[in-house]
């Protein structure tokens, strides 16, 4: 059970990183709002995943 929870948290971290990485690859000028929303969601996902990982592993 512990390994599956850790893998889900790591998946959340990877998804957040990929959202940030792919948002910088967007080239359309009109996509500024969409790009900023994706970056914000990616940062929240990445930070939340890191927080959960540290809290879960350190207990």
Foldseek 3Di string as FASTA:
>chain_A
DLVVVLVVLVVLLVQLVVLLVVLVVDDDPVCPVVSVVSNVVSVVSNVVSVVVNCVSVVD
